[in-house]
N, C-alpha and C. Protein backbone atom coordinates (compact mmCIF):
# COMPACT_ATOMS: atom_id res chain seq x y z
N MET A 1 -19.39 41.73 -2.05
CA MET A 1 -18.32 42.33 -1.25
C MET A 1 -16.97 42.02 -1.89
N SER A 2 -16.15 43.04 -2.04
CA SER A 2 -14.84 42.84 -2.66
C SER A 2 -13.93 42.05 -1.72
N ALA A 3 -12.87 41.49 -2.32
CA ALA A 3 -11.92 40.73 -1.51
C ALA A 3 -11.27 41.61 -0.44
N ALA A 4 -10.97 42.86 -0.82
CA ALA A 4 -10.34 43.78 0.14
C ALA A 4 -11.28 44.09 1.31
N ASN A 5 -12.57 44.30 0.99
CA ASN A 5 -13.54 44.58 2.05
C ASN A 5 -13.75 43.37 2.95
N LEU A 6 -13.73 42.19 2.34
CA LEU A 6 -13.89 40.97 3.12
C LEU A 6 -12.71 40.78 4.07
N ARG A 7 -11.51 41.03 3.59
CA ARG A 7 -10.33 40.91 4.45
C ARG A 7 -10.39 41.91 5.60
N ALA A 8 -10.83 43.13 5.27
CA ALA A 8 -10.92 44.16 6.32
C ALA A 8 -11.95 43.76 7.37
N ARG A 9 -13.05 43.18 6.92
CA ARG A 9 -14.09 42.76 7.87
C ARG A 9 -13.59 41.63 8.75
N VAL A 10 -12.95 40.65 8.14
CA VAL A 10 -12.41 39.53 8.91
C VAL A 10 -11.38 40.02 9.92
N ARG A 11 -10.54 40.95 9.49
CA ARG A 11 -9.51 41.49 10.41
C ARG A 11 -10.17 42.22 11.58
N ALA A 12 -11.18 43.03 11.29
CA ALA A 12 -11.86 43.76 12.36
C ALA A 12 -12.51 42.81 13.35
N GLU A 13 -13.15 41.75 12.83
CA GLU A 13 -13.79 40.78 13.72
C GLU A 13 -12.76 40.04 14.56
N MET A 14 -11.63 39.67 13.97
CA MET A 14 -10.60 38.97 14.72
C MET A 14 -9.97 39.88 15.77
N THR A 15 -9.78 41.14 15.41
CA THR A 15 -9.22 42.11 16.36
C THR A 15 -10.13 42.25 17.57
N GLU A 16 -11.44 42.33 17.33
CA GLU A 16 -12.39 42.47 18.42
C GLU A 16 -12.43 41.20 19.27
N GLU A 17 -12.31 40.04 18.65
CA GLU A 17 -12.31 38.79 19.41
C GLU A 17 -11.08 38.70 20.31
N ILE A 18 -9.93 39.13 19.80
CA ILE A 18 -8.72 39.15 20.61
C ILE A 18 -8.91 40.06 21.82
N LYS A 19 -9.50 41.22 21.60
CA LYS A 19 -9.71 42.15 22.70
C LYS A 19 -10.70 41.60 23.72
N GLN A 20 -11.72 40.91 23.26
CA GLN A 20 -12.68 40.32 24.20
C GLN A 20 -12.01 39.29 25.10
N VAL A 21 -11.17 38.45 24.52
CA VAL A 21 -10.45 37.46 25.32
C VAL A 21 -9.50 38.17 26.28
N ALA A 22 -8.83 39.21 25.82
CA ALA A 22 -7.92 39.95 26.67
C ALA A 22 -8.65 40.58 27.85
N ARG A 23 -9.87 41.06 27.61
CA ARG A 23 -10.65 41.63 28.71
C ARG A 23 -10.97 40.58 29.76
N ARG A 24 -11.22 39.36 29.33
CA ARG A 24 -11.46 38.29 30.30
C ARG A 24 -10.21 38.03 31.13
N HIS A 25 -9.05 38.17 30.50
CA HIS A 25 -7.80 37.99 31.24
C HIS A 25 -7.59 39.13 32.25
N LEU A 26 -8.12 40.31 31.94
CA LEU A 26 -8.02 41.41 32.91
C LEU A 26 -8.71 41.01 34.21
N ALA A 27 -9.79 40.26 34.10
CA ALA A 27 -10.55 39.86 35.28
C ALA A 27 -9.78 38.87 36.15
N THR A 28 -8.92 38.06 35.54
CA THR A 28 -8.20 37.03 36.30
C THR A 28 -6.75 37.39 36.57
N ASP A 29 -6.13 38.12 35.63
CA ASP A 29 -4.70 38.40 35.73
C ASP A 29 -4.38 39.88 35.91
N GLY A 30 -5.41 40.73 35.95
CA GLY A 30 -5.14 42.15 35.97
C GLY A 30 -4.53 42.59 34.65
N ALA A 31 -3.69 43.61 34.71
CA ALA A 31 -3.06 44.13 33.49
C ALA A 31 -1.84 43.32 33.07
N ASN A 32 -1.59 42.23 33.78
CA ASN A 32 -0.45 41.37 33.45
C ASN A 32 -0.81 40.45 32.27
N LEU A 33 -1.07 41.09 31.13
CA LEU A 33 -1.52 40.35 29.95
C LEU A 33 -0.38 39.60 29.30
N SER A 34 -0.72 38.47 28.74
CA SER A 34 0.23 37.66 27.97
C SER A 34 -0.40 37.37 26.62
N LEU A 35 0.26 37.80 25.56
CA LEU A 35 -0.25 37.49 24.23
C LEU A 35 -0.30 35.99 24.00
N ARG A 36 0.64 35.26 24.57
CA ARG A 36 0.63 33.80 24.43
C ARG A 36 -0.63 33.19 25.05
N ALA A 37 -1.00 33.71 26.24
CA ALA A 37 -2.19 33.19 26.91
C ALA A 37 -3.44 33.53 26.12
N VAL A 38 -3.50 34.74 25.58
CA VAL A 38 -4.64 35.13 24.76
C VAL A 38 -4.73 34.24 23.52
N ALA A 39 -3.59 34.02 22.87
CA ALA A 39 -3.56 33.16 21.68
C ALA A 39 -4.01 31.75 22.02
N ARG A 40 -3.57 31.25 23.17
CA ARG A 40 -3.94 29.89 23.58
C ARG A 40 -5.45 29.77 23.74
N ASP A 41 -6.08 30.78 24.35
CA ASP A 41 -7.52 30.74 24.53
C ASP A 41 -8.27 30.79 23.20
N LEU A 42 -7.66 31.44 22.23
CA LEU A 42 -8.27 31.55 20.91
C LEU A 42 -7.97 30.34 20.02
N GLY A 43 -7.10 29.47 20.50
CA GLY A 43 -6.70 28.34 19.68
C GLY A 43 -5.82 28.73 18.52
N MET A 44 -5.04 29.80 18.73
CA MET A 44 -4.18 30.32 17.68
C MET A 44 -2.72 30.20 18.10
N ALA A 45 -1.85 30.22 17.13
CA ALA A 45 -0.43 30.34 17.43
C ALA A 45 -0.17 31.78 17.85
N SER A 46 0.76 31.98 18.79
CA SER A 46 1.04 33.34 19.25
C SER A 46 1.51 34.23 18.11
N SER A 47 2.20 33.63 17.14
CA SER A 47 2.67 34.42 15.99
C SER A 47 1.50 35.01 15.21
N ALA A 48 0.33 34.31 15.21
CA ALA A 48 -0.85 34.82 14.51
C ALA A 48 -1.40 36.07 15.21
N VAL A 49 -1.38 36.07 16.54
CA VAL A 49 -1.87 37.23 17.28
C VAL A 49 -1.01 38.45 17.00
N TYR A 50 0.30 38.23 16.82
CA TYR A 50 1.20 39.34 16.55
C TYR A 50 0.91 40.03 15.23
N ARG A 51 0.13 39.39 14.36
CA ARG A 51 -0.26 40.05 13.12
C ARG A 51 -1.31 41.13 13.38
N TYR A 52 -1.96 41.03 14.53
CA TYR A 52 -2.99 42.01 14.89
C TYR A 52 -2.49 43.03 15.90
N PHE A 53 -1.68 42.56 16.82
CA PHE A 53 -1.09 43.44 17.84
C PHE A 53 0.39 43.10 17.94
N ALA A 54 1.22 44.08 17.65
CA ALA A 54 2.65 43.83 17.56
C ALA A 54 3.29 43.51 18.91
N SER A 55 2.62 43.89 19.99
CA SER A 55 3.20 43.66 21.32
C SER A 55 2.09 43.68 22.36
N ARG A 56 2.43 43.27 23.57
CA ARG A 56 1.49 43.36 24.68
C ARG A 56 1.06 44.80 24.89
N ASP A 57 2.01 45.74 24.75
CA ASP A 57 1.68 47.15 24.97
C ASP A 57 0.68 47.65 23.94
N ASP A 58 0.78 47.19 22.70
CA ASP A 58 -0.19 47.59 21.69
C ASP A 58 -1.59 47.09 22.05
N LEU A 59 -1.66 45.86 22.56
CA LEU A 59 -2.95 45.34 22.98
C LEU A 59 -3.48 46.10 24.18
N LEU A 60 -2.62 46.39 25.14
CA LEU A 60 -3.04 47.19 26.30
C LEU A 60 -3.56 48.55 25.87
N THR A 61 -2.87 49.19 24.94
CA THR A 61 -3.30 50.50 24.46
C THR A 61 -4.68 50.42 23.85
N ALA A 62 -4.94 49.40 23.05
CA ALA A 62 -6.26 49.23 22.44
C ALA A 62 -7.33 49.07 23.51
N LEU A 63 -7.04 48.28 24.54
CA LEU A 63 -8.00 48.07 25.63
C LEU A 63 -8.22 49.35 26.42
N ILE A 64 -7.17 50.10 26.64
CA ILE A 64 -7.26 51.35 27.39
C ILE A 64 -8.10 52.37 26.63
N ILE A 65 -7.86 52.51 25.34
CA ILE A 65 -8.63 53.45 24.53
C ILE A 65 -10.09 53.05 24.51
N ASP A 66 -10.37 51.76 24.33
CA ASP A 66 -11.75 51.28 24.34
C ASP A 66 -12.43 51.62 25.67
N ALA A 67 -11.73 51.42 26.78
CA ALA A 67 -12.32 51.68 28.09
C ALA A 67 -12.59 53.17 28.28
N TYR A 68 -11.62 54.01 27.93
CA TYR A 68 -11.83 55.45 28.03
C TYR A 68 -13.01 55.90 27.17
N ASP A 69 -13.10 55.35 25.96
CA ASP A 69 -14.19 55.74 25.08
C ASP A 69 -15.54 55.26 25.61
N ALA A 70 -15.56 54.08 26.21
CA ALA A 70 -16.82 53.55 26.73
C ALA A 70 -17.32 54.38 27.90
N VAL A 71 -16.45 54.71 28.85
CA VAL A 71 -16.90 55.52 29.98
C VAL A 71 -17.16 56.95 29.51
N GLY A 72 -16.41 57.42 28.51
CA GLY A 72 -16.68 58.74 27.94
C GLY A 72 -18.04 58.79 27.28
N ASP A 73 -18.40 57.74 26.54
CA ASP A 73 -19.73 57.67 25.93
C ASP A 73 -20.82 57.76 27.01
N ALA A 74 -20.62 57.02 28.09
CA ALA A 74 -21.61 57.02 29.16
C ALA A 74 -21.76 58.42 29.76
N ALA A 75 -20.65 59.11 29.98
CA ALA A 75 -20.70 60.45 30.56
C ALA A 75 -21.38 61.43 29.61
N GLU A 76 -21.03 61.38 28.34
CA GLU A 76 -21.59 62.31 27.37
C GLU A 76 -23.08 62.07 27.15
N GLN A 77 -23.49 60.81 27.12
CA GLN A 77 -24.91 60.51 26.95
C GLN A 77 -25.71 60.99 28.16
N ALA A 78 -25.12 60.88 29.35
CA ALA A 78 -25.82 61.32 30.56
C ALA A 78 -25.98 62.83 30.60
N SER A 79 -25.05 63.55 29.98
CA SER A 79 -25.11 65.01 30.02
C SER A 79 -26.09 65.59 29.02
N ALA A 80 -26.48 64.80 28.02
CA ALA A 80 -27.35 65.31 26.95
C ALA A 80 -28.73 65.65 27.49
N GLY A 81 -29.22 66.81 27.08
CA GLY A 81 -30.58 67.20 27.43
C GLY A 81 -30.76 67.71 28.84
N GLN A 82 -29.68 67.90 29.55
CA GLN A 82 -29.75 68.39 30.93
C GLN A 82 -29.47 69.89 30.96
N ASP A 83 -30.45 70.68 31.40
CA ASP A 83 -30.27 72.13 31.45
C ASP A 83 -29.73 72.61 32.79
N ASP A 84 -30.18 71.99 33.86
CA ASP A 84 -29.74 72.40 35.19
C ASP A 84 -28.32 71.91 35.44
N PRO A 85 -27.37 72.80 35.76
CA PRO A 85 -25.97 72.38 35.93
C PRO A 85 -25.78 71.28 36.97
N LEU A 86 -26.44 71.38 38.11
CA LEU A 86 -26.27 70.37 39.15
C LEU A 86 -26.83 69.02 38.70
N ALA A 87 -28.01 69.04 38.08
CA ALA A 87 -28.59 67.78 37.60
C ALA A 87 -27.70 67.14 36.55
N ARG A 88 -27.12 67.96 35.69
CA ARG A 88 -26.22 67.44 34.66
C ARG A 88 -24.97 66.85 35.28
N TRP A 89 -24.41 67.53 36.24
CA TRP A 89 -23.21 67.06 36.96
C TRP A 89 -23.47 65.71 37.62
N LEU A 90 -24.60 65.63 38.32
CA LEU A 90 -24.92 64.38 39.02
C LEU A 90 -25.22 63.24 38.04
N SER A 91 -25.86 63.55 36.92
CA SER A 91 -26.14 62.53 35.92
C SER A 91 -24.84 61.94 35.36
N ILE A 92 -23.89 62.82 35.09
CA ILE A 92 -22.59 62.35 34.59
C ILE A 92 -21.91 61.48 35.64
N ALA A 93 -21.89 61.95 36.87
CA ALA A 93 -21.22 61.21 37.94
C ALA A 93 -21.84 59.82 38.11
N HIS A 94 -23.17 59.75 38.14
CA HIS A 94 -23.82 58.45 38.31
C HIS A 94 -23.57 57.54 37.11
N ALA A 95 -23.53 58.11 35.91
CA ALA A 95 -23.27 57.29 34.72
C ALA A 95 -21.88 56.69 34.77
N VAL A 96 -20.92 57.48 35.23
CA VAL A 96 -19.55 56.97 35.35
C VAL A 96 -19.49 55.87 36.39
N ARG A 97 -20.12 56.09 37.53
CA ARG A 97 -20.13 55.06 38.58
C ARG A 97 -20.82 53.79 38.09
N ASP A 98 -21.96 53.94 37.43
CA ASP A 98 -22.68 52.76 36.93
C ASP A 98 -21.82 51.98 35.95
N TRP A 99 -21.13 52.69 35.06
CA TRP A 99 -20.25 52.01 34.10
C TRP A 99 -19.15 51.26 34.84
N ALA A 100 -18.57 51.91 35.83
CA ALA A 100 -17.47 51.28 36.57
C ALA A 100 -17.92 50.03 37.32
N LEU A 101 -19.10 50.08 37.91
CA LEU A 101 -19.60 48.92 38.64
C LEU A 101 -19.88 47.75 37.69
N THR A 102 -20.25 48.07 36.46
CA THR A 102 -20.50 47.03 35.47
C THR A 102 -19.20 46.51 34.85
N ASN A 103 -18.19 47.37 34.81
CA ASN A 103 -16.92 47.03 34.15
C ASN A 103 -15.74 47.30 35.09
N PRO A 104 -15.70 46.64 36.23
CA PRO A 104 -14.68 46.97 37.25
C PRO A 104 -13.25 46.75 36.78
N HIS A 105 -13.02 45.73 35.97
CA HIS A 105 -11.65 45.44 35.55
C HIS A 105 -11.16 46.45 34.51
N GLN A 106 -12.08 46.94 33.68
CA GLN A 106 -11.70 48.00 32.75
C GLN A 106 -11.45 49.31 33.50
N TRP A 107 -12.26 49.57 34.53
CA TRP A 107 -12.02 50.76 35.36
C TRP A 107 -10.64 50.68 36.01
N ALA A 108 -10.32 49.51 36.55
CA ALA A 108 -9.02 49.35 37.20
C ALA A 108 -7.88 49.55 36.20
N LEU A 109 -8.10 49.16 34.95
CA LEU A 109 -7.06 49.32 33.93
C LEU A 109 -6.76 50.79 33.68
N ILE A 110 -7.79 51.64 33.66
CA ILE A 110 -7.55 53.05 33.31
C ILE A 110 -7.40 53.97 34.52
N TYR A 111 -7.97 53.58 35.66
CA TYR A 111 -7.89 54.46 36.83
C TYR A 111 -7.24 53.80 38.05
N GLY A 112 -6.75 52.58 37.87
CA GLY A 112 -6.07 51.91 38.96
C GLY A 112 -4.57 52.15 38.93
N SER A 113 -3.83 51.24 39.50
CA SER A 113 -2.37 51.39 39.56
C SER A 113 -1.77 51.34 38.15
N PRO A 114 -0.74 52.14 37.88
CA PRO A 114 -0.08 52.09 36.57
C PRO A 114 0.46 50.69 36.28
N VAL A 115 0.41 50.32 35.02
CA VAL A 115 0.92 49.01 34.61
C VAL A 115 2.44 49.07 34.56
N PRO A 116 3.15 48.24 35.31
CA PRO A 116 4.62 48.30 35.31
C PRO A 116 5.18 48.12 33.90
N GLY A 117 6.09 49.02 33.55
CA GLY A 117 6.76 48.92 32.26
C GLY A 117 5.97 49.44 31.08
N TYR A 118 4.74 49.89 31.32
CA TYR A 118 3.92 50.38 30.21
C TYR A 118 3.92 51.90 30.19
N GLN A 119 4.15 52.49 29.01
CA GLN A 119 4.12 53.93 28.83
C GLN A 119 2.99 54.25 27.87
N ALA A 120 1.96 54.92 28.34
CA ALA A 120 0.81 55.20 27.49
C ALA A 120 1.20 56.14 26.35
N PRO A 121 0.83 55.80 25.12
CA PRO A 121 1.16 56.66 23.98
C PRO A 121 0.21 57.84 23.86
N GLN A 122 0.51 58.74 22.96
CA GLN A 122 -0.30 59.94 22.75
C GLN A 122 -1.73 59.59 22.34
N ASP A 123 -1.92 58.44 21.73
CA ASP A 123 -3.26 58.04 21.28
C ASP A 123 -4.27 57.95 22.41
N THR A 124 -3.80 57.79 23.63
CA THR A 124 -4.72 57.63 24.76
C THR A 124 -5.17 58.97 25.36
N VAL A 125 -4.51 60.07 24.97
CA VAL A 125 -4.75 61.35 25.65
C VAL A 125 -6.17 61.86 25.42
N VAL A 126 -6.60 61.93 24.17
CA VAL A 126 -7.94 62.47 23.88
C VAL A 126 -9.04 61.61 24.50
N PRO A 127 -9.02 60.28 24.35
CA PRO A 127 -10.05 59.49 25.02
C PRO A 127 -10.05 59.68 26.54
N ALA A 128 -8.87 59.87 27.13
CA ALA A 128 -8.77 60.00 28.58
C ALA A 128 -9.41 61.29 29.10
N THR A 129 -9.60 62.28 28.24
CA THR A 129 -10.15 63.57 28.68
C THR A 129 -11.66 63.65 28.57
N ARG A 130 -12.31 62.63 28.04
CA ARG A 130 -13.73 62.78 27.73
C ARG A 130 -14.61 62.97 28.96
N VAL A 131 -14.34 62.28 30.04
CA VAL A 131 -15.17 62.44 31.24
C VAL A 131 -14.97 63.83 31.84
N VAL A 132 -13.73 64.25 31.97
CA VAL A 132 -13.50 65.57 32.59
C VAL A 132 -14.06 66.67 31.70
N LEU A 133 -14.02 66.50 30.38
CA LEU A 133 -14.59 67.50 29.48
C LEU A 133 -16.12 67.52 29.59
N ALA A 134 -16.71 66.36 29.84
CA ALA A 134 -18.16 66.33 30.06
C ALA A 134 -18.52 67.12 31.31
N LEU A 135 -17.73 66.95 32.36
CA LEU A 135 -17.96 67.73 33.59
C LEU A 135 -17.72 69.21 33.34
N ALA A 136 -16.67 69.53 32.59
CA ALA A 136 -16.37 70.93 32.28
C ALA A 136 -17.49 71.54 31.45
N GLY A 137 -18.09 70.75 30.57
CA GLY A 137 -19.20 71.25 29.78
C GLY A 137 -20.37 71.68 30.64
N THR A 138 -20.53 71.04 31.79
CA THR A 138 -21.57 71.44 32.74
C THR A 138 -21.35 72.86 33.21
N ALA A 139 -20.11 73.18 33.56
CA ALA A 139 -19.79 74.53 34.01
C ALA A 139 -19.94 75.54 32.89
N GLN A 140 -19.45 75.19 31.69
CA GLN A 140 -19.54 76.11 30.57
C GLN A 140 -20.99 76.41 30.21
N ALA A 141 -21.82 75.37 30.17
CA ALA A 141 -23.23 75.57 29.84
C ALA A 141 -23.92 76.42 30.91
N GLY A 142 -23.56 76.19 32.17
CA GLY A 142 -24.14 76.98 33.24
C GLY A 142 -23.78 78.44 33.14
N LEU A 143 -22.56 78.73 32.74
CA LEU A 143 -22.14 80.12 32.56
C LEU A 143 -22.88 80.77 31.39
N ARG A 144 -22.98 80.05 30.28
CA ARG A 144 -23.64 80.61 29.09
C ARG A 144 -25.11 80.90 29.35
N SER A 145 -25.74 80.01 30.10
CA SER A 145 -27.18 80.16 30.35
C SER A 145 -27.48 81.14 31.47
N GLY A 146 -26.47 81.53 32.23
CA GLY A 146 -26.69 82.42 33.36
C GLY A 146 -27.11 81.70 34.62
N ARG A 147 -27.15 80.36 34.58
CA ARG A 147 -27.52 79.60 35.76
C ARG A 147 -26.40 79.59 36.80
N ILE A 148 -25.16 79.78 36.35
CA ILE A 148 -24.03 79.92 37.26
C ILE A 148 -23.62 81.38 37.22
N THR A 149 -23.79 82.09 38.31
CA THR A 149 -23.51 83.53 38.35
C THR A 149 -22.48 83.91 39.41
N GLU A 150 -22.46 83.20 40.51
CA GLU A 150 -21.54 83.53 41.60
C GLU A 150 -20.27 82.70 41.47
N VAL A 151 -19.20 83.35 41.05
CA VAL A 151 -17.94 82.65 40.85
C VAL A 151 -16.90 83.23 41.80
N PRO A 152 -16.33 82.42 42.69
CA PRO A 152 -15.30 82.91 43.61
C PRO A 152 -14.09 83.45 42.85
N PRO A 153 -13.30 84.29 43.49
CA PRO A 153 -12.11 84.84 42.82
C PRO A 153 -11.07 83.76 42.55
N GLN A 154 -10.19 84.07 41.61
CA GLN A 154 -9.11 83.14 41.28
C GLN A 154 -8.20 82.93 42.47
N PRO A 155 -7.83 81.70 42.76
CA PRO A 155 -6.92 81.44 43.89
C PRO A 155 -5.56 82.10 43.66
N ALA A 156 -4.95 82.49 44.76
CA ALA A 156 -3.61 83.08 44.68
C ALA A 156 -2.56 81.98 44.64
N GLY A 157 -1.33 82.37 44.34
CA GLY A 157 -0.24 81.41 44.35
C GLY A 157 0.05 80.87 42.96
N ARG A 158 1.14 80.12 42.88
CA ARG A 158 1.58 79.59 41.59
C ARG A 158 0.54 78.65 40.98
N PHE A 159 -0.10 77.83 41.82
CA PHE A 159 -1.09 76.91 41.26
C PHE A 159 -2.28 77.68 40.70
N GLY A 160 -2.56 78.86 41.29
CA GLY A 160 -3.62 79.70 40.75
C GLY A 160 -3.28 80.23 39.36
N GLU A 161 -2.01 80.56 39.15
CA GLU A 161 -1.57 81.00 37.83
C GLU A 161 -1.68 79.86 36.82
N GLU A 162 -1.29 78.67 37.25
CA GLU A 162 -1.40 77.51 36.36
C GLU A 162 -2.86 77.21 36.05
N MET A 163 -3.72 77.38 37.04
CA MET A 163 -5.15 77.15 36.85
C MET A 163 -5.71 78.13 35.82
N ALA A 164 -5.27 79.38 35.89
CA ALA A 164 -5.73 80.38 34.93
C ALA A 164 -5.27 80.03 33.52
N ALA A 165 -4.05 79.51 33.39
CA ALA A 165 -3.55 79.11 32.07
C ALA A 165 -4.37 77.97 31.49
N VAL A 166 -4.75 77.02 32.36
CA VAL A 166 -5.59 75.91 31.91
C VAL A 166 -6.97 76.43 31.51
N ALA A 167 -7.50 77.39 32.29
CA ALA A 167 -8.83 77.94 32.00
C ALA A 167 -8.87 78.60 30.63
N GLU A 168 -7.78 79.21 30.22
CA GLU A 168 -7.74 79.87 28.91
C GLU A 168 -7.95 78.89 27.77
N GLN A 169 -7.59 77.63 28.00
CA GLN A 169 -7.79 76.61 26.96
C GLN A 169 -9.26 76.30 26.74
N PHE A 170 -10.09 76.63 27.73
CA PHE A 170 -11.52 76.37 27.61
C PHE A 170 -12.27 77.54 26.98
N GLY A 171 -11.59 78.65 26.75
CA GLY A 171 -12.22 79.80 26.11
C GLY A 171 -12.09 81.05 26.96
N ALA A 172 -12.25 82.18 26.30
CA ALA A 172 -12.14 83.47 26.98
C ALA A 172 -13.24 83.63 28.02
N GLY A 173 -12.86 84.15 29.16
CA GLY A 173 -13.84 84.45 30.19
C GLY A 173 -14.25 83.29 31.07
N VAL A 174 -13.65 82.11 30.87
CA VAL A 174 -13.97 80.98 31.75
C VAL A 174 -13.20 81.15 33.05
N PRO A 175 -13.86 81.27 34.17
CA PRO A 175 -13.16 81.53 35.44
C PRO A 175 -12.23 80.38 35.83
N ALA A 176 -11.07 80.75 36.30
CA ALA A 176 -10.09 79.74 36.70
C ALA A 176 -10.64 78.86 37.82
N HIS A 177 -11.41 79.47 38.74
CA HIS A 177 -11.94 78.69 39.86
C HIS A 177 -12.82 77.55 39.36
N LEU A 178 -13.62 77.81 38.34
CA LEU A 178 -14.50 76.76 37.82
C LEU A 178 -13.69 75.61 37.24
N VAL A 179 -12.64 75.95 36.51
CA VAL A 179 -11.80 74.91 35.92
C VAL A 179 -11.13 74.08 37.02
N GLY A 180 -10.56 74.75 38.00
CA GLY A 180 -9.95 74.04 39.11
C GLY A 180 -10.95 73.21 39.87
N GLY A 181 -12.15 73.76 40.05
CA GLY A 181 -13.20 73.03 40.76
C GLY A 181 -13.65 71.80 40.00
N VAL A 182 -13.74 71.93 38.68
CA VAL A 182 -14.12 70.78 37.86
C VAL A 182 -13.06 69.70 37.95
N MET A 183 -11.79 70.09 37.89
CA MET A 183 -10.71 69.11 38.02
C MET A 183 -10.76 68.42 39.38
N SER A 184 -11.02 69.21 40.43
CA SER A 184 -11.14 68.62 41.76
C SER A 184 -12.33 67.66 41.82
N GLY A 185 -13.42 68.05 41.17
CA GLY A 185 -14.59 67.18 41.14
C GLY A 185 -14.32 65.87 40.41
N PHE A 186 -13.57 65.95 39.32
CA PHE A 186 -13.19 64.76 38.58
C PHE A 186 -12.33 63.84 39.44
N ILE A 187 -11.38 64.42 40.16
CA ILE A 187 -10.53 63.63 41.05
C ILE A 187 -11.37 62.99 42.16
N HIS A 188 -12.30 63.76 42.69
CA HIS A 188 -13.18 63.24 43.75
C HIS A 188 -14.03 62.11 43.20
N LEU A 189 -14.55 62.28 41.98
CA LEU A 189 -15.35 61.24 41.33
C LEU A 189 -14.56 59.95 41.18
N CYS A 190 -13.35 60.06 40.64
CA CYS A 190 -12.51 58.87 40.45
C CYS A 190 -12.20 58.20 41.78
N GLY A 191 -11.89 59.01 42.79
CA GLY A 191 -11.57 58.46 44.10
C GLY A 191 -12.76 57.78 44.76
N ALA A 192 -13.93 58.39 44.62
CA ALA A 192 -15.13 57.81 45.23
C ALA A 192 -15.48 56.47 44.58
N VAL A 193 -15.39 56.42 43.26
CA VAL A 193 -15.69 55.17 42.56
C VAL A 193 -14.66 54.10 42.90
N SER A 194 -13.39 54.47 42.88
CA SER A 194 -12.34 53.49 43.18
C SER A 194 -12.45 52.99 44.61
N ALA A 195 -12.77 53.86 45.54
CA ALA A 195 -12.91 53.43 46.93
C ALA A 195 -14.00 52.38 47.06
N GLU A 196 -15.09 52.58 46.33
CA GLU A 196 -16.17 51.60 46.38
C GLU A 196 -15.77 50.29 45.71
N LEU A 197 -15.17 50.38 44.55
CA LEU A 197 -14.80 49.18 43.80
C LEU A 197 -13.72 48.37 44.49
N PHE A 198 -12.77 49.05 45.12
CA PHE A 198 -11.61 48.35 45.66
C PHE A 198 -11.74 48.02 47.14
N GLY A 199 -12.95 48.17 47.68
CA GLY A 199 -13.23 47.64 49.01
C GLY A 199 -13.03 48.58 50.17
N GLN A 200 -12.73 49.87 49.91
CA GLN A 200 -12.52 50.76 51.04
C GLN A 200 -13.79 51.12 51.80
N LEU A 201 -14.94 50.83 51.21
CA LEU A 201 -16.20 51.14 51.90
C LEU A 201 -16.76 49.93 52.64
N ASN A 202 -16.08 48.81 52.56
CA ASN A 202 -16.56 47.62 53.26
C ASN A 202 -16.69 47.88 54.75
N ASN A 203 -17.78 47.38 55.33
CA ASN A 203 -18.08 47.51 56.76
C ASN A 203 -18.38 48.95 57.17
N THR A 204 -18.69 49.80 56.17
CA THR A 204 -19.11 51.17 56.50
C THR A 204 -20.46 51.43 55.85
N PHE A 205 -20.45 51.91 54.62
CA PHE A 205 -21.70 52.17 53.90
C PHE A 205 -22.04 50.91 53.09
N GLU A 206 -23.06 50.20 53.52
CA GLU A 206 -23.39 48.93 52.88
C GLU A 206 -24.73 48.95 52.15
N GLU A 207 -25.72 49.67 52.68
CA GLU A 207 -27.07 49.58 52.13
C GLU A 207 -27.39 50.67 51.11
N ASP A 208 -26.75 51.81 51.17
CA ASP A 208 -27.08 52.88 50.24
C ASP A 208 -25.81 53.59 49.77
N ARG A 209 -24.98 52.85 49.09
CA ARG A 209 -23.74 53.45 48.58
C ARG A 209 -24.02 54.48 47.49
N ARG A 210 -25.09 54.26 46.75
CA ARG A 210 -25.45 55.24 45.72
C ARG A 210 -25.77 56.58 46.38
N GLY A 211 -26.51 56.52 47.50
CA GLY A 211 -26.84 57.75 48.21
C GLY A 211 -25.59 58.44 48.75
N PHE A 212 -24.67 57.66 49.31
CA PHE A 212 -23.42 58.23 49.81
C PHE A 212 -22.62 58.85 48.67
N PHE A 213 -22.60 58.16 47.53
CA PHE A 213 -21.90 58.67 46.36
C PHE A 213 -22.50 60.00 45.91
N GLU A 214 -23.82 60.08 45.83
CA GLU A 214 -24.44 61.34 45.40
C GLU A 214 -24.14 62.47 46.39
N TRP A 215 -24.15 62.15 47.67
CA TRP A 215 -23.83 63.16 48.68
C TRP A 215 -22.44 63.73 48.44
N GLN A 216 -21.49 62.86 48.11
CA GLN A 216 -20.13 63.31 47.81
C GLN A 216 -20.08 64.17 46.55
N MET A 217 -20.81 63.75 45.52
CA MET A 217 -20.79 64.49 44.27
C MET A 217 -21.49 65.85 44.39
N ARG A 218 -22.49 65.93 45.25
CA ARG A 218 -23.12 67.23 45.51
C ARG A 218 -22.14 68.16 46.21
N ALA A 219 -21.37 67.62 47.14
CA ALA A 219 -20.36 68.42 47.81
C ALA A 219 -19.29 68.89 46.83
N ALA A 220 -18.90 68.00 45.91
CA ALA A 220 -17.90 68.37 44.91
C ALA A 220 -18.45 69.45 43.99
N ALA A 221 -19.74 69.36 43.65
CA ALA A 221 -20.35 70.37 42.80
C ALA A 221 -20.40 71.72 43.50
N THR A 222 -20.69 71.71 44.78
CA THR A 222 -20.70 72.97 45.55
C THR A 222 -19.31 73.60 45.56
N PHE A 223 -18.29 72.80 45.80
CA PHE A 223 -16.93 73.31 45.80
C PHE A 223 -16.56 73.87 44.42
N ALA A 224 -17.02 73.19 43.37
CA ALA A 224 -16.67 73.61 42.01
C ALA A 224 -17.41 74.86 41.59
N GLY A 225 -18.47 75.23 42.31
CA GLY A 225 -19.26 76.39 41.92
C GLY A 225 -20.40 76.02 41.00
N ILE A 226 -20.68 74.72 40.86
CA ILE A 226 -21.76 74.26 39.99
C ILE A 226 -23.11 74.41 40.69
N ALA A 227 -23.14 74.06 41.95
CA ALA A 227 -24.42 74.07 42.69
C ALA A 227 -24.66 75.42 43.34
């Protein structure tokens, strides 16, 4: 291995170790990360950490991108090999929920309250769209296969015009209602998962939250025109 390759490998390993420690801090401190605290846990001088991440915001961005990509991977893997639009929709939804329950602090970082003083850079945009695009792929595949045939008319009003403009980005002939319905389903998905994670279901649905979640996602699919 060349010296350059060795340095690159060492840097990659150190970068990942810093992020792992930072994720542990998410569990105790939320998004209120301190590079000094991370460095202390690593037994490093804070100046050494700055060689890998120039600021707290750079570290937060790396964690945010990793979290979006991880939940995006889960959604995309769940959608693979699913021909029935409703089954595919539900598989994606359950995969997202399962990931969130396993990684609650990462979910809170990307779908919880905004981090004060942090402005997400453009680098986060594409990873952030992966789950909603997986859901949109369900609608697109259903249209192509003919499994989705009954599409309600485009909503009236200014938001209907905006919905149609967004639909054009998905390709010619994609109904605006489906795009709007998918977006609504994504919002419902995020809200349902967050409600469960953040305690809003306490003292209500205790024994079969998965069943309650699926019931909600089936309703969202019906509204979206998937079911």
